[in-house]
């Protein structure tokens, strides 16, 4: 946080001016600050410009220095706030991902797709999974074991790949996780016969 405020000062901005500037950029009106005086200050600093002032309705644009500051601040913020893989998935997450991968059969599924996906692909999917759900690796292995057992008995028919079992987007670009459903199943202690999936898309 201290680094972020120092970066704001680097562009000759106060925190309130930065708040106003970001609000202008994202077309959001900031609250709890004196917008009028801040706007006048930013105009003097040539951070923003009034390009028209007709009938008391001002059209304001952000100057090059302002856009440069916003771009840099957003980049810095995103870099600092992204949780790294070890924090999200545990220190030995690569071994866990490989263990998960090897639980799937080393073969092509009836859909024609390989059951096992690349480790890096799985890591990206697990990043989303751990950021979205509160399940543990132990939950994951138990749930995956149950899933594999069910579809082995069906000769892998309609089984998802190791990637799509973790997460898959629907036509509306919304991600769903069958793995999370099976983790819930394990935690609820339901019997296999009480929990049946009808989805037939791999």
Foldseek 3Di string as FASTA:
>chain_A
DVVLQVLCVVLVHHPVLLVCLVCVVVVHHDPPDDNVVSVVVCVVVVQKHFPDQPPNDTDIDGDPSVVVSVVVSVVVVVVVPDDDLCVQANPPNLVLLVVLQVLWDQDAAPVRHGQGDDSVLQSVLVSVLSVVDVDHSVLLVVLSNVLRVVCVVVSRQLPHHSNVQSWDADPVRDIDHVSVVSSVCVVVVDDPVVDDDPDRHD
